[in-house]
Amino acid sequence: MTLGKSPIVAFIATADPARARAFYEGTLGLTVSDEDYALVADANGTMLRIQKVERMTPAPYTALGWEVSDIAATVAELGARGVKFARYEFLAQDEAGIWTAPGGAKVAWFADPDGNVLSLSEM
C-alpha cells in the first residue's frame, strides 16, 4: 500500500480554540466542528484538524496554504474581514502584500490568531 492515493489530513495547533474557531469559520469561511481534542474543519474536502494545545510556539514558516484562482480578489476580501497580510523586507511585494515569484506564481502570507503562518497562492 502506498499513500499516494490516500487523502491527506492537515494539522495545525491552537492554544485558544474559541478564537481559532471564530477565525477559521467566521473569517476564512470554513465549516468547523468542535471535538474533544481538536477543531475539525472541512477545507474543500481536505480535513484540517486544529489541535487544541495548552501552549504553542508557531513555526517561523508557512504551515498551511490555499491555492486560489484570483489572489488579488481573495486578499481584498480577507482584508475587508480584518486579515492583515505580512510584509517581508527581502521580497518585492505589491501594495496588497502579494509577491510574484520568478516562475510567475503569486503568494501572500498572513497569520492566524495563534501566529501560524498561512498563505494564499495563485499558480
Foldseek 3Di string as FASTA:
>chain_A
DDCPPPADAAEAEDQDVVQLCCCVCVLVNWDWDDDDFFIWTQPPNHIYTHGHDNDDDADPDAREEEEDADVVVVLVSSVVVPWDWDADPVFDAPPSQWGQDPVGKIKIWTAGPNRHIYMYIYD
